[in-house]
Amino acid sequence: MKLRKIERFGGGGHDRLRRRLTGALLAAPALMSVRVGAAATPIRVWTGPSCSCCHAWVEHLEQNGFEVEKHDGGNGEARARLGMPVRYGSCHTAEIAGYAVEGHVPAREVHRLIEERPDAIGLAVPAMPIGSPGMDGPAYGNRRDPYDVLLVRRDGSAEVFAAYR
């Protein structure tokens, strides 16, 4: 009887370790999904059909783990439907988790938006600053102009969400 208790309760170290490792391996995909929650959420992008910088921004998103559903054209309609004021406009508009993402917003800030979930319309990089994702690289002389990523509030006001200098 005593031997059974030892085998069952005291000698089961390997079984406990195996159960813990198996549990950790089974939980890993769920934990990865939580860690990269933004990447697990599809982002829909409306581009200018012949706009190369829009397509380069989509590539930037994909390289940073986003699943992108791309629509050529319709960004003005998407911007209006999502409530993004025209003054923050750019050449493409995206929607992720109910937020608008206007212009060349770095993927890092889109991830942050989804993690923090502020009460806002979304993010915007107005115009098309050189050096922002999709407006960067050799085609632009590797130039980097300073720009801000704006958090656009529901009342249409905005504040700096991230500054790139």
Foldseek 3Di string as FASTA:
>chain_A
DVVVCCVVPVVCPVVVVVVVVVVCVVCVVVVVCVVQVQLVWAKEKEAAQPDQLSVQLVVQLVVVRHHYHYHHHDQVVVCVVLPADCQLAEGMWMDTPSAIEHALDHNVVSSVCVVVVDQANHKGFRYHFQPGRSNADVVNPRDGDKTFIWGQHPVRDTDGPDIDD
